[in-house]
Amino acid sequence: MSADDVAPTPEVIGVGPHPEPWPDDDRLDPALLRDGDRRNVADRYRYWTVEAIVADLDGRRHPFHVAIENWQHDRNIGGVVRNANAFLAAEVHIVGRRRWNRRGAMVTERYQHVRHHADVGVLARHADGQGLTLVGIDNVDGSVALESTPLPRDCVLLFGQEGPGLSPDAIAACRTVCSIEMFGSTRSINAAVASGIAMHSWIRQHVHGAPC
């Protein structure tokens, strides 16, 4: 049997029990110290309680928000939430149905503020009250290229359902709608992928100072 025939050993995520004596730190969870921490969190948060992690993230969140319409229980919503956590969005807004598919979030919703709005009108009023500009992300007639468009610092990046994209009400509520340039045969990319691209565009402009 060659080395290529041997199945790879699955990588063990996280760390085991913490050696005693345990650190004297209120941020640490005694159960995790005792049993180990196998969560999908950055190494600096090993053994921290969920509350301590959220508090630390809250001290440095970025001022952009993310919203996604949820009329058909889109499976991409979990991926959008996970991306929002990765790029440290201020909040995720779920528009439409309150229940959403959490599978793709990989438990990151525990560390990410998620707010529900009954419809786009409620979201738009909330955004206006918070001084946030609604920016749609969809490849529709009249959209402008995301790659060459300055994004507002304080904004809500709004995504539509897989398939139909942004609803007419959502498009009407947005200050502008940005499209993501594509080069293959598909007519669209899913909301989870689009959200990662759009959030990283915001990061490049406002964190790294890269030109749009």
N, C-alpha and C. Protein backbone atom coordinates (compact mmCIF):
# COMPACT_ATOMS: atom_id res chain seq x y z
N MET A 1 0.86 -1.21 0.00
CA MET A 1 0.00 0.00 0.00
C MET A 1 0.89 1.24 0.00
N SER A 2 0.61 2.15 -0.90
CA SER A 2 1.40 3.38 -0.97
C SER A 2 0.84 4.43 -0.03
N ALA A 3 1.62 5.47 0.20
CA ALA A 3 1.18 6.56 1.08
C ALA A 3 -0.07 7.22 0.54
N ASP A 4 -0.23 7.20 -0.81
CA ASP A 4 -1.40 7.85 -1.41
C ASP A 4 -2.69 7.09 -1.12
N ASP A 5 -2.56 5.80 -0.73
CA ASP A 5 -3.74 4.99 -0.48
C ASP A 5 -4.26 5.13 0.96
N VAL A 6 -3.50 5.81 1.80
CA VAL A 6 -3.87 5.95 3.20
C VAL A 6 -4.77 7.17 3.36
N ALA A 7 -5.95 6.96 3.96
CA ALA A 7 -6.87 8.07 4.17
C ALA A 7 -6.26 9.08 5.13
N PRO A 8 -6.38 10.38 4.83
CA PRO A 8 -5.80 11.39 5.72
C PRO A 8 -6.52 11.40 7.06
N THR A 9 -5.78 11.69 8.10
CA THR A 9 -6.36 11.79 9.44
C THR A 9 -7.08 13.13 9.57
N PRO A 10 -8.37 13.13 9.96
CA PRO A 10 -9.08 14.40 10.10
C PRO A 10 -8.38 15.32 11.11
N GLU A 11 -8.28 16.58 10.76
CA GLU A 11 -7.64 17.55 11.64
C GLU A 11 -8.56 17.84 12.82
N VAL A 12 -8.01 17.78 14.01
CA VAL A 12 -8.77 18.09 15.21
C VAL A 12 -8.78 19.60 15.42
N ILE A 13 -9.97 20.16 15.49
CA ILE A 13 -10.11 21.61 15.64
C ILE A 13 -10.05 21.97 17.11
N GLY A 14 -9.40 23.08 17.40
CA GLY A 14 -9.43 23.60 18.76
C GLY A 14 -8.34 23.03 19.65
N VAL A 15 -8.60 23.11 20.95
CA VAL A 15 -7.62 22.70 21.96
C VAL A 15 -8.30 21.84 23.01
N GLY A 16 -7.51 21.04 23.70
CA GLY A 16 -8.02 20.19 24.76
C GLY A 16 -8.11 20.93 26.08
N PRO A 17 -8.31 20.21 27.17
CA PRO A 17 -8.39 20.84 28.49
C PRO A 17 -7.16 21.68 28.80
N HIS A 18 -7.38 22.78 29.49
CA HIS A 18 -6.27 23.68 29.84
C HIS A 18 -5.50 23.11 31.03
N PRO A 19 -4.18 23.12 30.96
CA PRO A 19 -3.40 22.64 32.11
C PRO A 19 -3.70 23.46 33.37
N GLU A 20 -3.71 22.79 34.49
CA GLU A 20 -3.88 23.50 35.76
C GLU A 20 -2.52 23.96 36.27
N PRO A 21 -2.48 25.04 37.05
CA PRO A 21 -3.62 25.85 37.49
C PRO A 21 -4.18 26.71 36.36
N TRP A 22 -5.48 26.93 36.38
CA TRP A 22 -6.13 27.72 35.35
C TRP A 22 -5.84 29.21 35.54
N PRO A 23 -5.80 29.96 34.43
CA PRO A 23 -5.58 31.41 34.53
C PRO A 23 -6.72 32.08 35.29
N ASP A 24 -6.40 33.13 36.00
CA ASP A 24 -7.40 33.91 36.73
C ASP A 24 -7.90 35.01 35.80
N ASP A 25 -8.94 34.71 35.04
CA ASP A 25 -9.44 35.63 34.01
C ASP A 25 -10.94 35.45 33.91
N ASP A 26 -11.69 36.51 34.19
CA ASP A 26 -13.16 36.43 34.18
C ASP A 26 -13.72 36.12 32.80
N ARG A 27 -12.94 36.30 31.75
CA ARG A 27 -13.43 36.05 30.39
C ARG A 27 -13.48 34.55 30.08
N LEU A 28 -12.83 33.75 30.86
CA LEU A 28 -12.70 32.33 30.55
C LEU A 28 -13.86 31.52 31.12
N ASP A 29 -14.23 30.48 30.39
CA ASP A 29 -15.34 29.60 30.76
C ASP A 29 -14.79 28.37 31.47
N PRO A 30 -15.15 28.15 32.74
CA PRO A 30 -14.61 26.99 33.47
C PRO A 30 -14.89 25.66 32.77
N ALA A 31 -16.06 25.51 32.13
CA ALA A 31 -16.38 24.27 31.45
C ALA A 31 -15.45 24.03 30.27
N LEU A 32 -15.11 25.09 29.53
CA LEU A 32 -14.19 24.95 28.41
C LEU A 32 -12.77 24.67 28.90
N LEU A 33 -12.38 25.32 29.97
CA LEU A 33 -11.06 25.05 30.54
C LEU A 33 -10.95 23.58 30.95
N ARG A 34 -12.02 23.05 31.49
CA ARG A 34 -12.01 21.67 31.97
C ARG A 34 -12.07 20.66 30.83
N ASP A 35 -12.94 20.91 29.83
CA ASP A 35 -13.23 19.92 28.80
C ASP A 35 -12.51 20.16 27.48
N GLY A 36 -11.98 21.36 27.29
CA GLY A 36 -11.38 21.72 26.01
C GLY A 36 -12.32 22.59 25.19
N ASP A 37 -11.76 23.26 24.20
CA ASP A 37 -12.53 24.20 23.38
C ASP A 37 -12.39 23.81 21.92
N ARG A 38 -13.43 23.19 21.36
CA ARG A 38 -13.42 22.75 19.97
C ARG A 38 -14.26 23.64 19.07
N ARG A 39 -14.57 24.84 19.51
CA ARG A 39 -15.41 25.73 18.72
C ARG A 39 -14.64 26.31 17.53
N ASN A 40 -15.40 26.79 16.54
CA ASN A 40 -14.83 27.44 15.37
C ASN A 40 -14.61 28.92 15.68
N VAL A 41 -13.62 29.18 16.53
CA VAL A 41 -13.28 30.56 16.89
C VAL A 41 -11.78 30.77 16.69
N ALA A 42 -11.41 32.04 16.53
CA ALA A 42 -10.00 32.37 16.39
C ALA A 42 -9.24 31.95 17.66
N ASP A 43 -7.97 31.66 17.50
CA ASP A 43 -7.18 31.15 18.62
C ASP A 43 -7.16 32.10 19.81
N ARG A 44 -7.23 33.40 19.54
CA ARG A 44 -7.16 34.34 20.67
C ARG A 44 -8.39 34.25 21.57
N TYR A 45 -9.46 33.61 21.08
CA TYR A 45 -10.68 33.48 21.88
C TYR A 45 -10.84 32.09 22.51
N ARG A 46 -9.80 31.27 22.46
CA ARG A 46 -9.90 29.96 23.08
C ARG A 46 -10.21 30.07 24.57
N TYR A 47 -11.18 29.30 24.99
CA TYR A 47 -11.65 29.19 26.38
C TYR A 47 -12.49 30.39 26.83
N TRP A 48 -12.66 31.40 25.97
CA TRP A 48 -13.48 32.55 26.36
C TRP A 48 -14.96 32.17 26.35
N THR A 49 -15.76 32.81 27.21
CA THR A 49 -17.20 32.65 27.14
C THR A 49 -17.74 33.35 25.90
N VAL A 50 -18.92 32.96 25.46
CA VAL A 50 -19.56 33.62 24.32
C VAL A 50 -19.75 35.10 24.62
N GLU A 51 -20.19 35.41 25.83
CA GLU A 51 -20.44 36.81 26.22
C GLU A 51 -19.16 37.65 26.14
N ALA A 52 -18.05 37.07 26.56
CA ALA A 52 -16.78 37.80 26.53
C ALA A 52 -16.33 38.04 25.09
N ILE A 53 -16.54 37.04 24.22
CA ILE A 53 -16.17 37.22 22.81
C ILE A 53 -17.00 38.31 22.17
N VAL A 54 -18.32 38.28 22.40
CA VAL A 54 -19.21 39.29 21.83
C VAL A 54 -18.81 40.68 22.31
N ALA A 55 -18.51 40.80 23.60
CA ALA A 55 -18.13 42.11 24.15
C ALA A 55 -16.85 42.62 23.49
N ASP A 56 -15.90 41.73 23.25
CA ASP A 56 -14.65 42.14 22.61
C ASP A 56 -14.92 42.56 21.17
N LEU A 57 -15.73 41.80 20.44
CA LEU A 57 -16.07 42.17 19.07
C LEU A 57 -16.82 43.49 19.01
N ASP A 58 -17.71 43.71 19.97
CA ASP A 58 -18.49 44.95 19.99
C ASP A 58 -17.61 46.18 20.12
N GLY A 59 -16.45 46.02 20.70
CA GLY A 59 -15.55 47.16 20.87
C GLY A 59 -14.83 47.57 19.61
N ARG A 60 -14.96 46.78 18.55
CA ARG A 60 -14.22 47.10 17.32
C ARG A 60 -14.97 46.75 16.04
N ARG A 61 -16.30 46.63 16.11
CA ARG A 61 -17.06 46.31 14.89
C ARG A 61 -16.97 47.45 13.88
N HIS A 62 -17.08 47.08 12.60
CA HIS A 62 -17.09 48.08 11.55
C HIS A 62 -18.50 48.68 11.43
N PRO A 63 -18.61 49.89 10.87
CA PRO A 63 -19.91 50.57 10.83
C PRO A 63 -20.82 50.16 9.68
N PHE A 64 -20.44 49.18 8.87
CA PHE A 64 -21.36 48.73 7.83
C PHE A 64 -22.25 47.60 8.36
N HIS A 65 -23.45 47.53 7.81
CA HIS A 65 -24.42 46.50 8.16
C HIS A 65 -24.70 45.66 6.92
N VAL A 66 -25.30 44.51 7.13
CA VAL A 66 -25.67 43.62 6.03
C VAL A 66 -27.13 43.24 6.20
N ALA A 67 -27.88 43.23 5.12
CA ALA A 67 -29.28 42.82 5.17
C ALA A 67 -29.56 41.85 4.03
N ILE A 68 -30.47 40.92 4.26
CA ILE A 68 -30.86 39.99 3.22
C ILE A 68 -32.35 39.71 3.32
N GLU A 69 -33.00 39.68 2.17
CA GLU A 69 -34.43 39.38 2.14
C GLU A 69 -34.65 37.88 2.34
N ASN A 70 -35.68 37.54 3.11
CA ASN A 70 -35.96 36.15 3.45
C ASN A 70 -37.43 35.84 3.22
N TRP A 71 -37.78 35.65 1.96
CA TRP A 71 -39.17 35.34 1.63
C TRP A 71 -39.37 33.86 1.38
N GLN A 72 -38.30 33.12 1.10
CA GLN A 72 -38.43 31.71 0.74
C GLN A 72 -37.48 30.82 1.54
N HIS A 73 -37.11 31.24 2.75
CA HIS A 73 -36.17 30.48 3.58
C HIS A 73 -34.90 30.15 2.80
N ASP A 74 -34.29 31.17 2.26
CA ASP A 74 -33.08 31.01 1.45
C ASP A 74 -31.98 30.33 2.26
N ARG A 75 -31.39 29.28 1.70
CA ARG A 75 -30.32 28.56 2.39
C ARG A 75 -29.03 29.36 2.48
N ASN A 76 -28.93 30.45 1.72
CA ASN A 76 -27.72 31.25 1.73
C ASN A 76 -27.60 32.17 2.93
N ILE A 77 -28.68 32.34 3.67
CA ILE A 77 -28.66 33.32 4.77
C ILE A 77 -27.61 32.97 5.80
N GLY A 78 -27.48 31.69 6.12
CA GLY A 78 -26.45 31.29 7.08
C GLY A 78 -25.06 31.68 6.62
N GLY A 79 -24.79 31.53 5.33
CA GLY A 79 -23.50 31.93 4.79
C GLY A 79 -23.28 33.42 4.87
N VAL A 80 -24.34 34.21 4.66
CA VAL A 80 -24.24 35.66 4.79
C VAL A 80 -23.89 36.04 6.23
N VAL A 81 -24.54 35.38 7.19
CA VAL A 81 -24.25 35.66 8.60
C VAL A 81 -22.81 35.30 8.94
N ARG A 82 -22.35 34.17 8.44
CA ARG A 82 -20.96 33.77 8.70
C ARG A 82 -19.98 34.78 8.12
N ASN A 83 -20.24 35.26 6.90
CA ASN A 83 -19.38 36.28 6.29
C ASN A 83 -19.41 37.57 7.10
N ALA A 84 -20.59 37.94 7.58
CA ALA A 84 -20.70 39.16 8.37
C ALA A 84 -19.86 39.07 9.63
N ASN A 85 -19.83 37.89 10.23
CA ASN A 85 -18.97 37.68 11.40
C ASN A 85 -17.50 37.78 11.01
N ALA A 86 -17.14 37.17 9.88
CA ALA A 86 -15.75 37.18 9.45
C ALA A 86 -15.24 38.59 9.17
N PHE A 87 -16.10 39.43 8.59
CA PHE A 87 -15.69 40.80 8.25
C PHE A 87 -16.11 41.81 9.32
N LEU A 88 -16.66 41.33 10.43
CA LEU A 88 -16.99 42.14 11.61
C LEU A 88 -18.00 43.24 11.30
N ALA A 89 -19.10 42.86 10.65
CA ALA A 89 -20.19 43.80 10.40
C ALA A 89 -20.87 44.19 11.71
N ALA A 90 -21.43 45.37 11.74
CA ALA A 90 -22.12 45.83 12.95
C ALA A 90 -23.33 44.96 13.26
N GLU A 91 -24.16 44.69 12.24
CA GLU A 91 -25.36 43.88 12.43
C GLU A 91 -25.73 43.20 11.12
N VAL A 92 -26.49 42.12 11.26
CA VAL A 92 -27.15 41.50 10.11
C VAL A 92 -28.65 41.71 10.28
N HIS A 93 -29.31 42.11 9.19
CA HIS A 93 -30.75 42.36 9.22
C HIS A 93 -31.45 41.34 8.32
N ILE A 94 -32.37 40.60 8.89
CA ILE A 94 -33.17 39.63 8.14
C ILE A 94 -34.51 40.28 7.82
N VAL A 95 -34.82 40.40 6.54
CA VAL A 95 -36.04 41.08 6.10
C VAL A 95 -37.04 40.04 5.59
N GLY A 96 -38.23 40.03 6.17
CA GLY A 96 -39.25 39.07 5.73
C GLY A 96 -39.55 38.06 6.82
N ARG A 97 -39.43 36.80 6.50
CA ARG A 97 -39.72 35.74 7.47
C ARG A 97 -38.70 35.77 8.61
N ARG A 98 -39.21 35.60 9.82
CA ARG A 98 -38.34 35.67 11.00
C ARG A 98 -37.42 34.46 11.07
N ARG A 99 -37.95 33.28 10.74
CA ARG A 99 -37.14 32.07 10.81
C ARG A 99 -36.22 31.99 9.59
N TRP A 100 -34.98 31.61 9.80
CA TRP A 100 -34.04 31.50 8.70
C TRP A 100 -33.16 30.27 8.91
N ASN A 101 -32.61 29.77 7.82
CA ASN A 101 -31.81 28.55 7.83
C ASN A 101 -30.43 28.85 8.42
N ARG A 102 -30.16 28.30 9.59
CA ARG A 102 -28.91 28.60 10.29
C ARG A 102 -27.76 27.66 9.95
N ARG A 103 -28.01 26.66 9.12
CA ARG A 103 -27.00 25.64 8.88
C ARG A 103 -25.67 26.25 8.42
N GLY A 104 -25.72 27.13 7.44
CA GLY A 104 -24.48 27.69 6.89
C GLY A 104 -23.78 28.68 7.79
N ALA A 105 -24.43 29.11 8.87
CA ALA A 105 -23.82 30.08 9.77
C ALA A 105 -22.72 29.47 10.62
N MET A 106 -22.73 28.16 10.77
CA MET A 106 -21.71 27.46 11.56
C MET A 106 -21.59 28.04 12.97
N VAL A 107 -22.74 28.37 13.56
CA VAL A 107 -22.87 28.86 14.94
C VAL A 107 -22.33 30.28 15.11
N THR A 108 -21.95 30.95 14.01
CA THR A 108 -21.43 32.32 14.15
C THR A 108 -22.51 33.31 14.56
N GLU A 109 -23.79 32.93 14.44
CA GLU A 109 -24.86 33.84 14.87
C GLU A 109 -24.77 34.13 16.36
N ARG A 110 -24.10 33.27 17.13
CA ARG A 110 -23.93 33.53 18.56
C ARG A 110 -23.08 34.77 18.82
N TYR A 111 -22.23 35.11 17.86
CA TYR A 111 -21.29 36.21 18.04
C TYR A 111 -21.65 37.43 17.20
N GLN A 112 -22.75 37.33 16.46
CA GLN A 112 -23.14 38.38 15.52
C GLN A 112 -24.53 38.90 15.88
N HIS A 113 -24.69 40.20 15.96
CA HIS A 113 -26.00 40.78 16.23
C HIS A 113 -26.89 40.62 15.00
N VAL A 114 -28.06 40.02 15.19
CA VAL A 114 -29.00 39.77 14.10
C VAL A 114 -30.33 40.40 14.46
N ARG A 115 -30.85 41.23 13.56
CA ARG A 115 -32.11 41.95 13.78
C ARG A 115 -33.11 41.58 12.70
N HIS A 116 -34.38 41.47 13.07
CA HIS A 116 -35.43 41.12 12.11
C HIS A 116 -36.28 42.33 11.77
N HIS A 117 -36.67 42.43 10.49
CA HIS A 117 -37.59 43.46 10.02
C HIS A 117 -38.69 42.79 9.19
N ALA A 118 -39.92 43.20 9.40
CA ALA A 118 -41.04 42.56 8.72
C ALA A 118 -41.00 42.75 7.20
N ASP A 119 -40.53 43.92 6.76
CA ASP A 119 -40.46 44.17 5.32
C ASP A 119 -39.40 45.22 5.04
N VAL A 120 -39.20 45.51 3.77
CA VAL A 120 -38.16 46.45 3.37
C VAL A 120 -38.44 47.85 3.89
N GLY A 121 -39.72 48.22 3.96
CA GLY A 121 -40.06 49.55 4.47
C GLY A 121 -39.59 49.75 5.90
N VAL A 122 -39.76 48.73 6.72
CA VAL A 122 -39.30 48.82 8.12
C VAL A 122 -37.78 48.93 8.16
N LEU A 123 -37.10 48.14 7.34
CA LEU A 123 -35.64 48.24 7.27
C LEU A 123 -35.21 49.64 6.85
N ALA A 124 -35.85 50.18 5.82
CA ALA A 124 -35.48 51.50 5.32
C ALA A 124 -35.65 52.57 6.38
N ARG A 125 -36.73 52.50 7.14
CA ARG A 125 -36.95 53.49 8.20
C ARG A 125 -35.91 53.34 9.31
N HIS A 126 -35.59 52.12 9.64
CA HIS A 126 -34.55 51.89 10.65
C HIS A 126 -33.21 52.44 10.18
N ALA A 127 -32.86 52.15 8.93
CA ALA A 127 -31.59 52.63 8.40
C ALA A 127 -31.53 54.15 8.39
N ASP A 128 -32.62 54.78 7.97
CA ASP A 128 -32.67 56.25 7.93
C ASP A 128 -32.50 56.83 9.33
N GLY A 129 -33.13 56.20 10.32
CA GLY A 129 -33.01 56.68 11.70
C GLY A 129 -31.61 56.52 12.26
N GLN A 130 -30.86 55.57 11.72
CA GLN A 130 -29.49 55.33 12.19
C GLN A 130 -28.43 56.01 11.31
N GLY A 131 -28.88 56.78 10.32
CA GLY A 131 -27.94 57.44 9.42
C GLY A 131 -27.20 56.49 8.50
N LEU A 132 -27.87 55.39 8.12
CA LEU A 132 -27.26 54.37 7.26
C LEU A 132 -27.83 54.45 5.85
N THR A 133 -26.97 54.37 4.86
CA THR A 133 -27.38 54.39 3.47
C THR A 133 -27.61 52.97 2.97
N LEU A 134 -28.75 52.73 2.36
CA LEU A 134 -29.04 51.41 1.81
C LEU A 134 -28.38 51.27 0.43
N VAL A 135 -27.55 50.24 0.30
CA VAL A 135 -26.87 49.96 -0.96
C VAL A 135 -27.24 48.53 -1.38
N GLY A 136 -27.94 48.39 -2.48
CA GLY A 136 -28.30 47.07 -2.97
C GLY A 136 -27.15 46.43 -3.73
N ILE A 137 -27.09 45.11 -3.67
CA ILE A 137 -26.09 44.36 -4.44
C ILE A 137 -26.84 43.39 -5.32
N ASP A 138 -26.88 43.67 -6.63
CA ASP A 138 -27.60 42.81 -7.57
C ASP A 138 -27.24 43.25 -8.99
N ASN A 139 -27.22 42.29 -9.88
CA ASN A 139 -26.94 42.60 -11.29
C ASN A 139 -28.25 42.87 -12.02
N VAL A 140 -28.73 44.09 -11.88
CA VAL A 140 -30.00 44.49 -12.50
C VAL A 140 -29.76 45.68 -13.41
N ASP A 141 -30.73 45.95 -14.27
CA ASP A 141 -30.64 47.12 -15.14
C ASP A 141 -30.50 48.38 -14.29
N GLY A 142 -29.57 49.24 -14.66
CA GLY A 142 -29.37 50.49 -13.94
C GLY A 142 -28.37 50.39 -12.80
N SER A 143 -27.85 49.19 -12.52
CA SER A 143 -26.87 49.06 -11.45
C SER A 143 -25.52 49.60 -11.90
N VAL A 144 -24.69 49.94 -10.93
CA VAL A 144 -23.35 50.45 -11.20
C VAL A 144 -22.33 49.42 -10.72
N ALA A 145 -21.15 49.45 -11.30
CA ALA A 145 -20.15 48.43 -11.00
C ALA A 145 -19.63 48.59 -9.57
N LEU A 146 -19.73 47.52 -8.79
CA LEU A 146 -19.19 47.54 -7.43
C LEU A 146 -17.70 47.86 -7.44
N GLU A 147 -16.99 47.33 -8.43
CA GLU A 147 -15.54 47.47 -8.48
C GLU A 147 -15.08 48.92 -8.60
N SER A 148 -15.93 49.79 -9.11
CA SER A 148 -15.53 51.19 -9.32
C SER A 148 -16.44 52.18 -8.60
N THR A 149 -17.19 51.71 -7.61
CA THR A 149 -18.13 52.57 -6.90
C THR A 149 -17.71 52.76 -5.44
N PRO A 150 -17.53 54.01 -5.00
CA PRO A 150 -17.24 54.24 -3.58
C PRO A 150 -18.44 53.84 -2.72
N LEU A 151 -18.21 53.05 -1.70
CA LEU A 151 -19.28 52.64 -0.79
C LEU A 151 -19.32 53.58 0.41
N PRO A 152 -20.53 53.99 0.84
CA PRO A 152 -20.60 54.84 2.03
C PRO A 152 -20.00 54.12 3.24
N ARG A 153 -19.40 54.86 4.12
CA ARG A 153 -18.83 54.24 5.33
C ARG A 153 -19.92 53.64 6.19
N ASP A 154 -20.98 54.41 6.43
CA ASP A 154 -22.10 53.95 7.24
C ASP A 154 -23.21 53.51 6.29
N CYS A 155 -23.31 52.22 6.09
CA CYS A 155 -24.25 51.74 5.09
C CYS A 155 -24.82 50.38 5.47
N VAL A 156 -25.85 49.99 4.73
CA VAL A 156 -26.40 48.64 4.80
C VAL A 156 -26.28 48.03 3.41
N LEU A 157 -25.53 46.95 3.31
CA LEU A 157 -25.41 46.22 2.05
C LEU A 157 -26.57 45.23 1.99
N LEU A 158 -27.46 45.42 1.04
CA LEU A 158 -28.71 44.67 0.97
C LEU A 158 -28.68 43.65 -0.16
N PHE A 159 -29.02 42.40 0.17
CA PHE A 159 -28.99 41.31 -0.79
C PHE A 159 -30.38 40.69 -0.92
N GLY A 160 -30.67 40.15 -2.11
CA GLY A 160 -31.96 39.54 -2.35
C GLY A 160 -31.89 38.03 -2.25
N GLN A 161 -33.02 37.41 -2.59
CA GLN A 161 -33.14 35.96 -2.55
C GLN A 161 -32.32 35.30 -3.66
N GLU A 162 -31.91 34.06 -3.43
CA GLU A 162 -31.32 33.26 -4.49
C GLU A 162 -32.35 33.12 -5.63
N GLY A 163 -31.97 33.42 -6.82
CA GLY A 163 -32.88 33.31 -7.97
C GLY A 163 -33.45 34.66 -8.36
N PRO A 164 -34.50 35.12 -7.67
CA PRO A 164 -35.12 36.39 -8.08
C PRO A 164 -34.29 37.61 -7.75
N GLY A 165 -33.36 37.52 -6.81
CA GLY A 165 -32.56 38.69 -6.45
C GLY A 165 -33.35 39.68 -5.62
N LEU A 166 -32.95 40.93 -5.65
CA LEU A 166 -33.63 41.96 -4.87
C LEU A 166 -35.07 42.14 -5.37
N SER A 167 -35.99 42.31 -4.42
CA SER A 167 -37.37 42.58 -4.78
C SER A 167 -37.50 44.01 -5.32
N PRO A 168 -38.56 44.30 -6.06
CA PRO A 168 -38.77 45.67 -6.53
C PRO A 168 -38.80 46.69 -5.39
N ASP A 169 -39.41 46.33 -4.26
CA ASP A 169 -39.45 47.24 -3.12
C ASP A 169 -38.05 47.51 -2.59
N ALA A 170 -37.21 46.49 -2.57
CA ALA A 170 -35.84 46.66 -2.08
C ALA A 170 -35.05 47.58 -3.01
N ILE A 171 -35.19 47.36 -4.31
CA ILE A 171 -34.47 48.20 -5.26
C ILE A 171 -34.90 49.66 -5.12
N ALA A 172 -36.21 49.87 -4.94
CA ALA A 172 -36.72 51.24 -4.81
C ALA A 172 -36.22 51.92 -3.54
N ALA A 173 -35.96 51.14 -2.49
CA ALA A 173 -35.53 51.70 -1.21
C ALA A 173 -34.04 52.04 -1.19
N CYS A 174 -33.26 51.50 -2.12
CA CYS A 174 -31.81 51.68 -2.09
C CYS A 174 -31.39 53.01 -2.71
N ARG A 175 -30.37 53.62 -2.13
CA ARG A 175 -29.79 54.83 -2.71
C ARG A 175 -29.14 54.49 -4.04
N THR A 176 -28.49 53.34 -4.09
CA THR A 176 -27.86 52.86 -5.31
C THR A 176 -27.84 51.34 -5.27
N VAL A 177 -27.70 50.72 -6.43
CA VAL A 177 -27.56 49.26 -6.53
C VAL A 177 -26.27 48.98 -7.29
N CYS A 178 -25.43 48.14 -6.70
CA CYS A 178 -24.14 47.80 -7.30
C CYS A 178 -24.17 46.39 -7.86
N SER A 179 -23.52 46.20 -8.99
CA SER A 179 -23.42 44.88 -9.60
C SER A 179 -22.01 44.35 -9.46
N ILE A 180 -21.89 43.03 -9.44
CA ILE A 180 -20.60 42.37 -9.36
C ILE A 180 -20.28 41.79 -10.74
N GLU A 181 -19.17 42.21 -11.31
CA GLU A 181 -18.82 41.78 -12.67
C GLU A 181 -18.53 40.28 -12.70
N MET A 182 -19.11 39.61 -13.68
CA MET A 182 -18.89 38.17 -13.86
C MET A 182 -18.44 37.91 -15.29
N PHE A 183 -17.78 36.77 -15.50
CA PHE A 183 -17.17 36.52 -16.80
C PHE A 183 -17.54 35.17 -17.40
N GLY A 184 -18.27 34.33 -16.67
CA GLY A 184 -18.62 33.02 -17.17
C GLY A 184 -20.02 32.97 -17.76
N SER A 185 -20.59 31.77 -17.79
CA SER A 185 -21.89 31.57 -18.42
C SER A 185 -23.06 31.74 -17.46
N THR A 186 -22.82 31.67 -16.14
CA THR A 186 -23.92 31.77 -15.19
C THR A 186 -24.45 33.21 -15.14
N ARG A 187 -25.74 33.33 -14.91
CA ARG A 187 -26.35 34.67 -14.87
C ARG A 187 -26.26 35.30 -13.49
N SER A 188 -25.91 34.50 -12.47
CA SER A 188 -25.86 35.08 -11.12
C SER A 188 -24.98 34.23 -10.22
N ILE A 189 -24.58 34.80 -9.10
CA ILE A 189 -23.90 34.07 -8.04
C ILE A 189 -24.78 34.15 -6.80
N ASN A 190 -24.64 33.18 -5.90
CA ASN A 190 -25.56 33.18 -4.77
C ASN A 190 -25.25 34.29 -3.78
N ALA A 191 -26.21 34.56 -2.90
CA ALA A 191 -26.10 35.70 -1.99
C ALA A 191 -24.93 35.56 -1.03
N ALA A 192 -24.61 34.33 -0.61
CA ALA A 192 -23.50 34.15 0.31
C ALA A 192 -22.18 34.58 -0.33
N VAL A 193 -21.97 34.17 -1.58
CA VAL A 193 -20.75 34.57 -2.29
C VAL A 193 -20.75 36.07 -2.54
N ALA A 194 -21.88 36.59 -3.02
CA ALA A 194 -21.97 38.03 -3.31
C ALA A 194 -21.72 38.86 -2.05
N SER A 195 -22.22 38.39 -0.92
CA SER A 195 -22.04 39.16 0.32
C SER A 195 -20.57 39.22 0.71
N GLY A 196 -19.85 38.11 0.53
CA GLY A 196 -18.42 38.12 0.86
C GLY A 196 -17.65 39.08 -0.02
N ILE A 197 -17.99 39.11 -1.32
CA ILE A 197 -17.32 40.02 -2.23
C ILE A 197 -17.61 41.48 -1.86
N ALA A 198 -18.88 41.78 -1.58
CA ALA A 198 -19.27 43.16 -1.26
C ALA A 198 -18.66 43.62 0.06
N MET A 199 -18.69 42.75 1.07
CA MET A 199 -18.11 43.13 2.36
C MET A 199 -16.61 43.38 2.24
N HIS A 200 -15.94 42.53 1.47
CA HIS A 200 -14.50 42.73 1.30
C HIS A 200 -14.22 44.01 0.52
N SER A 201 -15.09 44.38 -0.40
CA SER A 201 -14.94 45.66 -1.10
C SER A 201 -15.01 46.82 -0.12
N TRP A 202 -15.96 46.72 0.84
CA TRP A 202 -16.06 47.77 1.87
C TRP A 202 -14.78 47.80 2.71
N ILE A 203 -14.27 46.63 3.09
CA ILE A 203 -13.04 46.55 3.88
C ILE A 203 -11.87 47.17 3.14
N ARG A 204 -11.74 46.86 1.86
CA ARG A 204 -10.65 47.42 1.08
C ARG A 204 -10.71 48.94 1.05
N GLN A 205 -11.90 49.50 0.91
CA GLN A 205 -12.04 50.94 0.81
C GLN A 205 -11.84 51.65 2.15
N HIS A 206 -12.44 51.10 3.20
CA HIS A 206 -12.51 51.84 4.46
C HIS A 206 -11.54 51.38 5.54
N VAL A 207 -10.98 50.19 5.40
CA VAL A 207 -9.98 49.72 6.36
C VAL A 207 -8.58 49.84 5.77
N HIS A 208 -8.44 49.44 4.50
CA HIS A 208 -7.14 49.45 3.88
C HIS A 208 -6.90 50.68 3.00
N GLY A 209 -7.94 51.47 2.77
CA GLY A 209 -7.78 52.69 1.98
C GLY A 209 -7.48 52.45 0.53
N ALA A 210 -7.87 51.28 0.01
CA ALA A 210 -7.61 50.99 -1.40
C ALA A 210 -8.61 51.73 -2.28
N PRO A 211 -8.19 52.21 -3.43
CA PRO A 211 -9.13 52.89 -4.33
C PRO A 211 -10.17 51.89 -4.85
N CYS A 212 -11.39 52.38 -5.07
CA CYS A 212 -12.44 51.50 -5.58
C CYS A 212 -12.25 51.26 -7.07
